[in-house]
C-alpha atoms as a PDB file:
ATOM      1  CA  UNK A   1       3.087  19.807 -10.635  1.00  0.00           C
ATOM      2  CA  UNK A   2       0.671  17.582 -12.515  1.00  0.00           C
ATOM      3  CA  UNK A   3      -2.122  15.446 -11.121  1.00  0.00           C
ATOM      4  CA  UNK A   4      -0.921  11.837 -10.566  1.00  0.00           C
ATOM      5  CA  UNK A   5      -4.313  10.488 -11.717  1.00  0.00           C
ATOM      6  CA  UNK A   6      -5.072  12.383 -14.934  1.00  0.00           C
ATOM      7  CA  UNK A   7      -1.987  14.510 -15.622  1.00  0.00           C
ATOM      8  CA  UNK A   8      -3.713  17.922 -15.554  1.00  0.00           C
ATOM      9  CA  UNK A   9      -2.269  20.848 -13.598  1.00  0.00           C
ATOM     10  CA  UNK A  10      -2.715  20.420  -9.834  1.00  0.00           C
ATOM     11  CA  UNK A  11      -5.163  22.709  -8.023  1.00  0.00           C
ATOM     12  CA  UNK A  12      -3.953  24.270  -4.727  1.00  0.00           C
ATOM     13  CA  UNK A  13      -7.211  23.233  -3.045  1.00  0.00           C
ATOM     14  CA  UNK A  14      -6.722  19.524  -3.898  1.00  0.00           C
ATOM     15  CA  UNK A  15      -2.931  19.399  -4.249  1.00  0.00           C
ATOM     16  CA  UNK A  16      -1.359  17.142  -5.532  1.00  0.00           C
ATOM     17  CA  UNK A  17      -4.580  16.430  -7.467  1.00  0.00           C
ATOM     18  CA  UNK A  18      -6.436  18.644  -9.940  1.00  0.00           C
ATOM     19  CA  UNK A  19      -9.913  18.060  -8.510  1.00  0.00           C
ATOM     20  CA  UNK A  20     -11.959  16.347  -5.831  1.00  0.00           C
ATOM     21  CA  UNK A  21     -12.780  13.621  -8.364  1.00  0.00           C
ATOM     22  CA  UNK A  22      -9.127  12.659  -8.835  1.00  0.00           C
ATOM     23  CA  UNK A  23      -8.520  12.827  -5.070  1.00  0.00           C
ATOM     24  CA  UNK A  24     -11.466  10.449  -4.553  1.00  0.00           C
ATOM     25  CA  UNK A  25     -10.170   8.083  -7.239  1.00  0.00           C
ATOM     26  CA  UNK A  26      -6.821   7.947  -5.431  1.00  0.00           C
ATOM     27  CA  UNK A  27      -8.509   7.333  -2.082  1.00  0.00           C
ATOM     28  CA  UNK A  28     -10.526   4.519  -3.632  1.00  0.00           C
ATOM     29  CA  UNK A  29      -7.329   2.882  -4.858  1.00  0.00           C
ATOM     30  CA  UNK A  30      -5.879   2.984  -1.345  1.00  0.00           C
ATOM     31  CA  UNK A  31      -9.047   1.589   0.229  1.00  0.00           C
ATOM     32  CA  UNK A  32      -9.339  -1.310  -2.228  1.00  0.00           C
ATOM     33  CA  UNK A  33      -5.675  -2.253  -1.937  1.00  0.00           C
ATOM     34  CA  UNK A  34      -4.751  -1.311  -5.496  1.00  0.00           C
ATOM     35  CA  UNK A  35      -1.537   0.284  -4.250  1.00  0.00           C
ATOM     36  CA  UNK A  36       0.774  -2.450  -3.016  1.00  0.00           C
ATOM     37  CA  UNK A  37       4.473  -2.965  -2.495  1.00  0.00           C
ATOM     38  CA  UNK A  38       5.792  -6.293  -3.805  1.00  0.00           C
ATOM     39  CA  UNK A  39       7.276  -8.440  -1.056  1.00  0.00           C
ATOM     40  CA  UNK A  40       8.024 -12.039  -0.214  1.00  0.00           C
ATOM     41  CA  UNK A  41       5.542 -13.829   2.003  1.00  0.00           C
ATOM     42  CA  UNK A  42       6.701 -14.654   5.522  1.00  0.00           C
ATOM     43  CA  UNK A  43       5.578 -17.878   7.133  1.00  0.00           C
ATOM     44  CA  UNK A  44       4.180 -16.600  10.453  1.00  0.00           C
ATOM     45  CA  UNK A  45       3.074 -20.094  11.464  1.00  0.00           C
ATOM     46  CA  UNK A  46       6.613 -21.503  11.643  1.00  0.00           C
ATOM     47  CA  UNK A  47       9.066 -18.639  12.052  1.00  0.00           C
ATOM     48  CA  UNK A  48      11.872 -20.934  13.206  1.00  0.00           C
ATOM     49  CA  UNK A  49      12.961 -24.495  12.605  1.00  0.00           C
ATOM     50  CA  UNK A  50      10.952 -26.449  15.201  1.00  0.00           C
ATOM     51  CA  UNK A  51      13.060 -29.596  14.670  1.00  0.00           C
ATOM     52  CA  UNK A  52      15.758 -27.907  16.762  1.00  0.00           C
ATOM     53  CA  UNK A  53      14.997 -28.559  20.487  1.00  0.00           C
ATOM     54  CA  UNK A  54      16.024 -24.978  21.360  1.00  0.00           C
ATOM     55  CA  UNK A  55      13.100 -23.640  19.349  1.00  0.00           C
ATOM     56  CA  UNK A  56      10.324 -25.958  20.536  1.00  0.00           C
ATOM     57  CA  UNK A  57       7.454 -24.307  22.420  1.00  0.00           C
ATOM     58  CA  UNK A  58       7.466 -25.095  26.130  1.00  0.00           C
END
């Protein structure tokens, strides 16, 4: 298996990475939000059509 950051052979101690440095780089990407999954935004403010009397807040 190769390191997902630099492509070198993975080290058992840091698997799937080759070194602590590459593991830290990956962690940094997670913490800064670099890894994301594309998705459509959901409007949490108006989840339903409020013009319909059934859906009006009471």
